């Protein structure tokens, strides 16, 4: 890429990710330092920048247990870049994508969010046939209304279903408070985020009381990391936009 140095901005082809290198590194250090000595760990979200070089820098900064991504294609790019602990924070549906997913599971530790027993059974069949194991997180809707099962009993029923299937492993829950990321008043954001996460924590307790291990609750964002990152029982924060942010 050295041939691009010295070009005027108007000469660059698009799309092009242009960052202030010093500020970007400052952002990486700030987030890594926040999680360094906390029970919750960082699982940065790839969807913000989609740049494997930057993903490797996020991992190298410390405190990150792996990467989050939005889709299967992003997960494949991350694995190609040598990042082998990957959460796909959306549902994977359809035979073609399931074939790609189980192939990915041969070279990386992969988890997938799920919110329906039909998805779980299809994924189980594909993974068992390929001789691999895929970790599943039951997505719990904590107020965003986009996807996920209802907390508590519905999530427990799906966890039981997954625990009985071959080729898949119930690993825990995903709970994303995306409907709160733009709340500008910090006190209100803190209060509402804690309220939103409570059903996920109660769901964890219910599933564990049923004898099923909940290894992780994964969720959070850049604008709520300092809140969710300090809630007992929340294990991973999927902060995404922080490397590329400026005054916000």
Foldseek 3Di string as FASTA:
>chain_A
DVVCPPDDPVPDDPPDDDADVVQLVVLLLVVQVVQVPFQAFEAAECVQPLDLVVVVVSVVSHRHPFHEYADDVSLVVNVVSVTAEYEHEAADDDDVRLLSVLVSQVRHQYEYEDADLVSLQVNLVSQVVSVGEHEYAQEDELDPPPDGDHFAPSSLVSQVSNCPGHRYAHAAHEYEPVVLLPVPDPVVSLVVVVSSCVSRQVRQVRNVVVVHHHNAYEYAEPSCCVRLSPDPRHHYHHYYNSSRDDPD
